[in-house]
Amino acid sequence: MSAFAPPPSGTGCVECLAGGGWWLHLRRCITCGEIRCCDSSPAQHASRHAREAGHPVAASFEPGEDWFWNYVADAPARPVPLSPPTSRPVEQASPGPDGRVPDDWRLLLH
């Protein structure tokens, strides 16, 4: 890996965007830069990506958060330098994306 983790794949969960889903919060894989949804989100794509791709560590992709998580160890991970941007745009809705979040979204969280 270079001195910095790869840039993020975009501003939303790649799988939710492709499949018509929605997310609560976003996580960034520090190995490949893919953005996936958190474990509170209905699809839990970040932890599945960690298992299936063998990329155990993700960083929060939420504004104002700077923590890292190791899904294999189920524990905080050591921070690494990130290529910008380090979060989704502040003006981007959470949950998101706009137009896909059901009215009863709170009942659908894990």
N, C-alpha and C. Protein backbone atom coordinates (compact mmCIF):
# COMPACT_ATOMS: atom_id res chain seq x y z
N MET A 1 0.85 -1.18 0.00
CA MET A 1 0.00 0.00 0.00
C MET A 1 0.90 1.23 0.00
N SER A 2 0.45 2.29 -0.69
CA SER A 2 1.22 3.53 -0.72
C SER A 2 1.16 4.19 0.66
N ALA A 3 1.76 5.37 0.75
CA ALA A 3 1.76 6.10 2.02
C ALA A 3 0.35 6.48 2.46
N PHE A 4 -0.55 6.60 1.50
CA PHE A 4 -1.94 6.94 1.79
C PHE A 4 -2.87 5.82 1.32
N ALA A 5 -3.96 5.64 2.04
CA ALA A 5 -4.98 4.70 1.59
C ALA A 5 -5.56 5.24 0.28
N PRO A 6 -6.02 4.36 -0.61
CA PRO A 6 -6.56 4.82 -1.90
C PRO A 6 -7.73 5.78 -1.73
N PRO A 7 -7.95 6.62 -2.72
CA PRO A 7 -9.08 7.55 -2.64
C PRO A 7 -10.41 6.79 -2.61
N PRO A 8 -11.44 7.41 -2.06
CA PRO A 8 -12.74 6.75 -1.99
C PRO A 8 -13.34 6.54 -3.38
N SER A 9 -14.15 5.50 -3.49
CA SER A 9 -14.78 5.14 -4.76
C SER A 9 -15.88 6.11 -5.17
N GLY A 10 -16.33 6.92 -4.27
CA GLY A 10 -17.41 7.86 -4.54
C GLY A 10 -17.92 8.43 -3.24
N THR A 11 -19.19 8.86 -3.23
CA THR A 11 -19.74 9.46 -2.02
C THR A 11 -20.85 8.63 -1.39
N GLY A 12 -21.11 7.44 -1.95
CA GLY A 12 -22.16 6.58 -1.40
C GLY A 12 -21.77 5.13 -1.51
N CYS A 13 -22.52 4.27 -0.84
CA CYS A 13 -22.27 2.83 -0.87
C CYS A 13 -22.40 2.31 -2.30
N VAL A 14 -21.32 1.74 -2.82
CA VAL A 14 -21.33 1.29 -4.21
C VAL A 14 -22.40 0.22 -4.46
N GLU A 15 -22.61 -0.65 -3.49
CA GLU A 15 -23.61 -1.71 -3.69
C GLU A 15 -25.03 -1.19 -3.54
N CYS A 16 -25.28 -0.33 -2.58
CA CYS A 16 -26.63 0.25 -2.43
C CYS A 16 -26.99 1.07 -3.66
N LEU A 17 -26.05 1.85 -4.17
CA LEU A 17 -26.32 2.65 -5.36
C LEU A 17 -26.63 1.77 -6.56
N ALA A 18 -25.88 0.69 -6.71
CA ALA A 18 -26.09 -0.21 -7.84
C ALA A 18 -27.39 -1.01 -7.72
N GLY A 19 -27.78 -1.33 -6.49
CA GLY A 19 -28.94 -2.19 -6.30
C GLY A 19 -30.20 -1.50 -5.84
N GLY A 20 -30.20 -0.18 -5.78
CA GLY A 20 -31.40 0.55 -5.39
C GLY A 20 -31.62 0.65 -3.89
N GLY A 21 -30.61 0.33 -3.08
CA GLY A 21 -30.75 0.37 -1.63
C GLY A 21 -30.45 1.73 -1.04
N TRP A 22 -30.38 1.75 0.28
CA TRP A 22 -30.09 2.99 1.03
C TRP A 22 -29.23 2.63 2.24
N TRP A 23 -28.65 3.65 2.86
CA TRP A 23 -27.74 3.45 3.98
C TRP A 23 -27.99 4.45 5.08
N LEU A 24 -27.49 4.09 6.27
CA LEU A 24 -27.50 5.02 7.40
C LEU A 24 -26.19 5.79 7.42
N HIS A 25 -25.08 5.08 7.59
CA HIS A 25 -23.75 5.69 7.61
C HIS A 25 -22.83 4.95 6.66
N LEU A 26 -21.73 5.60 6.32
CA LEU A 26 -20.82 5.05 5.32
C LEU A 26 -19.45 4.74 5.91
N ARG A 27 -18.83 3.70 5.35
CA ARG A 27 -17.49 3.27 5.74
C ARG A 27 -16.63 3.18 4.48
N ARG A 28 -15.32 3.40 4.69
CA ARG A 28 -14.36 3.40 3.57
C ARG A 28 -13.32 2.32 3.80
N CYS A 29 -13.19 1.41 2.86
CA CYS A 29 -12.18 0.36 2.95
C CYS A 29 -10.81 1.01 2.76
N ILE A 30 -9.89 0.78 3.68
CA ILE A 30 -8.57 1.42 3.54
C ILE A 30 -7.67 0.64 2.58
N THR A 31 -8.06 -0.57 2.20
CA THR A 31 -7.27 -1.33 1.24
C THR A 31 -7.57 -0.92 -0.19
N CYS A 32 -8.87 -0.79 -0.54
CA CYS A 32 -9.23 -0.51 -1.93
C CYS A 32 -9.98 0.80 -2.12
N GLY A 33 -10.42 1.44 -1.05
CA GLY A 33 -11.11 2.72 -1.15
C GLY A 33 -12.61 2.64 -1.39
N GLU A 34 -13.16 1.43 -1.53
CA GLU A 34 -14.59 1.31 -1.79
C GLU A 34 -15.41 1.81 -0.60
N ILE A 35 -16.48 2.52 -0.91
CA ILE A 35 -17.40 3.02 0.10
C ILE A 35 -18.54 2.02 0.22
N ARG A 36 -18.81 1.63 1.45
CA ARG A 36 -19.89 0.67 1.74
C ARG A 36 -20.67 1.17 2.95
N CYS A 37 -21.85 0.59 3.16
CA CYS A 37 -22.71 1.01 4.26
C CYS A 37 -22.37 0.28 5.56
N CYS A 38 -22.69 0.93 6.67
CA CYS A 38 -22.36 0.43 8.01
C CYS A 38 -23.24 -0.75 8.43
N ASP A 39 -22.91 -1.34 9.56
CA ASP A 39 -23.66 -2.49 10.07
C ASP A 39 -25.03 -2.14 10.63
N SER A 40 -25.31 -0.87 10.84
CA SER A 40 -26.67 -0.48 11.23
C SER A 40 -27.57 -0.36 10.00
N SER A 41 -26.99 -0.21 8.83
CA SER A 41 -27.74 -0.12 7.59
C SER A 41 -28.35 -1.47 7.25
N PRO A 42 -29.45 -1.48 6.50
CA PRO A 42 -30.11 -2.75 6.19
C PRO A 42 -29.20 -3.80 5.53
N ALA A 43 -28.36 -3.40 4.60
CA ALA A 43 -27.57 -4.38 3.84
C ALA A 43 -26.20 -4.71 4.46
N GLN A 44 -25.69 -3.89 5.34
CA GLN A 44 -24.41 -4.13 6.02
C GLN A 44 -23.28 -4.48 5.05
N HIS A 45 -23.13 -3.68 4.00
CA HIS A 45 -22.16 -3.99 2.96
C HIS A 45 -20.70 -3.86 3.40
N ALA A 46 -20.37 -2.98 4.34
CA ALA A 46 -18.97 -2.81 4.74
C ALA A 46 -18.41 -4.06 5.40
N SER A 47 -19.15 -4.64 6.33
CA SER A 47 -18.63 -5.85 6.99
C SER A 47 -18.60 -7.03 6.02
N ARG A 48 -19.56 -7.10 5.12
CA ARG A 48 -19.54 -8.18 4.12
C ARG A 48 -18.33 -8.02 3.21
N HIS A 49 -18.03 -6.79 2.80
CA HIS A 49 -16.85 -6.52 1.97
C HIS A 49 -15.57 -6.96 2.72
N ALA A 50 -15.50 -6.64 3.99
CA ALA A 50 -14.32 -7.04 4.78
C ALA A 50 -14.14 -8.55 4.76
N ARG A 51 -15.22 -9.29 4.95
CA ARG A 51 -15.14 -10.76 4.95
C ARG A 51 -14.81 -11.32 3.57
N GLU A 52 -15.56 -10.88 2.56
CA GLU A 52 -15.45 -11.48 1.23
C GLU A 52 -14.19 -11.04 0.48
N ALA A 53 -13.78 -9.80 0.64
CA ALA A 53 -12.60 -9.30 -0.06
C ALA A 53 -11.32 -9.51 0.73
N GLY A 54 -11.45 -9.84 2.01
CA GLY A 54 -10.26 -9.98 2.85
C GLY A 54 -9.62 -8.64 3.18
N HIS A 55 -10.42 -7.60 3.19
CA HIS A 55 -9.96 -6.25 3.53
C HIS A 55 -10.53 -5.90 4.90
N PRO A 56 -9.82 -6.19 5.98
CA PRO A 56 -10.41 -6.13 7.30
C PRO A 56 -10.65 -4.74 7.89
N VAL A 57 -9.95 -3.71 7.42
CA VAL A 57 -10.01 -2.41 8.10
C VAL A 57 -10.75 -1.38 7.26
N ALA A 58 -11.64 -0.67 7.93
CA ALA A 58 -12.39 0.42 7.30
C ALA A 58 -12.30 1.65 8.18
N ALA A 59 -12.48 2.80 7.56
CA ALA A 59 -12.54 4.08 8.27
C ALA A 59 -13.95 4.61 8.14
N SER A 60 -14.38 5.37 9.13
CA SER A 60 -15.65 6.06 8.99
C SER A 60 -15.54 7.01 7.80
N PHE A 61 -16.63 7.14 7.04
CA PHE A 61 -16.68 8.07 5.93
C PHE A 61 -17.74 9.14 6.22
N GLU A 62 -17.92 9.39 7.51
CA GLU A 62 -18.89 10.38 7.97
C GLU A 62 -18.17 11.67 8.39
N PRO A 63 -18.75 12.82 8.06
CA PRO A 63 -18.11 14.09 8.43
C PRO A 63 -17.87 14.18 9.94
N GLY A 64 -16.69 14.64 10.30
CA GLY A 64 -16.35 14.84 11.71
C GLY A 64 -15.89 13.59 12.44
N GLU A 65 -15.87 12.45 11.77
CA GLU A 65 -15.42 11.20 12.41
C GLU A 65 -14.07 10.80 11.83
N ASP A 66 -13.17 10.35 12.70
CA ASP A 66 -11.84 9.97 12.24
C ASP A 66 -11.37 8.63 12.80
N TRP A 67 -12.31 7.71 13.01
CA TRP A 67 -11.96 6.42 13.59
C TRP A 67 -11.84 5.34 12.52
N PHE A 68 -11.13 4.26 12.91
CA PHE A 68 -10.88 3.10 12.04
C PHE A 68 -11.33 1.85 12.78
N TRP A 69 -11.83 0.86 12.03
CA TRP A 69 -12.34 -0.37 12.64
C TRP A 69 -11.80 -1.58 11.91
N ASN A 70 -11.37 -2.58 12.70
CA ASN A 70 -10.93 -3.85 12.15
C ASN A 70 -12.06 -4.86 12.33
N TYR A 71 -12.70 -5.26 11.22
CA TYR A 71 -13.83 -6.17 11.29
C TYR A 71 -13.42 -7.58 11.73
N VAL A 72 -12.22 -8.01 11.40
CA VAL A 72 -11.76 -9.33 11.81
C VAL A 72 -11.52 -9.39 13.31
N ALA A 73 -10.83 -8.39 13.84
CA ALA A 73 -10.54 -8.34 15.28
C ALA A 73 -11.74 -7.84 16.08
N ASP A 74 -12.73 -7.27 15.41
CA ASP A 74 -13.88 -6.65 16.07
C ASP A 74 -13.41 -5.64 17.12
N ALA A 75 -12.50 -4.76 16.65
CA ALA A 75 -11.86 -3.81 17.56
C ALA A 75 -11.38 -2.60 16.76
N PRO A 76 -11.14 -1.49 17.45
CA PRO A 76 -10.57 -0.33 16.76
C PRO A 76 -9.26 -0.69 16.08
N ALA A 77 -8.99 -0.02 14.97
CA ALA A 77 -7.76 -0.25 14.21
C ALA A 77 -6.88 0.99 14.26
N ARG A 78 -5.62 0.78 13.99
CA ARG A 78 -4.65 1.87 13.95
C ARG A 78 -4.96 2.79 12.76
N PRO A 79 -5.02 4.09 12.98
CA PRO A 79 -5.27 5.02 11.87
C PRO A 79 -4.15 4.99 10.84
N VAL A 80 -4.50 5.23 9.61
CA VAL A 80 -3.54 5.38 8.52
C VAL A 80 -3.88 6.66 7.78
N PRO A 81 -2.92 7.26 7.09
CA PRO A 81 -3.22 8.46 6.31
C PRO A 81 -4.19 8.13 5.18
N LEU A 82 -5.17 9.00 4.98
CA LEU A 82 -6.18 8.80 3.94
C LEU A 82 -6.03 9.83 2.82
N SER A 83 -6.20 9.36 1.59
CA SER A 83 -6.30 10.29 0.47
C SER A 83 -7.62 11.03 0.59
N PRO A 84 -7.66 12.30 0.24
CA PRO A 84 -8.92 13.04 0.33
C PRO A 84 -9.90 12.59 -0.77
N PRO A 85 -11.17 12.80 -0.53
CA PRO A 85 -11.79 13.35 0.66
C PRO A 85 -11.89 12.30 1.76
N THR A 86 -11.95 12.74 3.00
CA THR A 86 -12.01 11.81 4.13
C THR A 86 -13.43 11.54 4.61
N SER A 87 -14.42 12.17 3.98
CA SER A 87 -15.81 11.91 4.35
C SER A 87 -16.73 12.22 3.17
N ARG A 88 -17.96 11.75 3.31
CA ARG A 88 -18.99 12.14 2.34
C ARG A 88 -19.17 13.65 2.46
N PRO A 89 -19.74 14.28 1.44
CA PRO A 89 -20.01 15.73 1.54
C PRO A 89 -20.96 16.03 2.70
N VAL A 90 -20.69 17.07 3.43
CA VAL A 90 -21.52 17.46 4.57
C VAL A 90 -22.98 17.66 4.14
N GLU A 91 -23.18 18.19 2.96
CA GLU A 91 -24.55 18.46 2.50
C GLU A 91 -25.29 17.21 2.02
N GLN A 92 -24.58 16.09 1.92
CA GLN A 92 -25.23 14.83 1.51
C GLN A 92 -26.03 14.26 2.68
N ALA A 93 -27.24 13.87 2.42
CA ALA A 93 -28.14 13.38 3.47
C ALA A 93 -27.65 12.09 4.11
N SER A 94 -27.96 11.95 5.38
CA SER A 94 -27.75 10.71 6.11
C SER A 94 -28.98 10.50 6.98
N PRO A 95 -29.75 9.43 6.77
CA PRO A 95 -29.48 8.37 5.80
C PRO A 95 -29.64 8.86 4.37
N GLY A 96 -29.14 8.04 3.46
CA GLY A 96 -29.17 8.41 2.05
C GLY A 96 -29.22 7.18 1.18
N PRO A 97 -29.27 7.36 -0.08
CA PRO A 97 -29.32 8.64 -0.77
C PRO A 97 -30.73 9.23 -0.79
N ASP A 98 -30.79 10.52 -1.01
CA ASP A 98 -32.09 11.20 -1.10
C ASP A 98 -32.98 10.46 -2.09
N GLY A 99 -34.23 10.33 -1.73
CA GLY A 99 -35.20 9.71 -2.61
C GLY A 99 -35.35 8.21 -2.47
N ARG A 100 -34.45 7.56 -1.74
CA ARG A 100 -34.53 6.11 -1.57
C ARG A 100 -34.81 5.67 -0.15
N VAL A 101 -34.72 6.59 0.79
CA VAL A 101 -34.87 6.23 2.20
C VAL A 101 -36.36 6.15 2.54
N PRO A 102 -36.83 4.98 2.99
CA PRO A 102 -38.26 4.85 3.31
C PRO A 102 -38.63 5.66 4.55
N ASP A 103 -39.90 6.02 4.65
CA ASP A 103 -40.38 6.80 5.79
C ASP A 103 -40.15 6.09 7.12
N ASP A 104 -40.23 4.76 7.12
CA ASP A 104 -40.05 3.98 8.36
C ASP A 104 -38.61 3.47 8.53
N TRP A 105 -37.63 4.22 8.02
CA TRP A 105 -36.24 3.77 8.00
C TRP A 105 -35.71 3.40 9.37
N ARG A 106 -36.12 4.08 10.41
CA ARG A 106 -35.62 3.79 11.76
C ARG A 106 -35.98 2.36 12.19
N LEU A 107 -37.11 1.87 11.74
CA LEU A 107 -37.54 0.51 12.07
C LEU A 107 -36.74 -0.56 11.32
N LEU A 108 -36.04 -0.17 10.28
CA LEU A 108 -35.32 -1.11 9.42
C LEU A 108 -33.84 -1.23 9.76
N LEU A 109 -33.38 -0.47 10.76
CA LEU A 109 -31.96 -0.51 11.14
C LEU A 109 -31.64 -1.75 11.97
N HIS A 110 -30.38 -2.12 11.91
CA HIS A 110 -29.90 -3.26 12.72
C HIS A 110 -29.37 -2.76 14.04
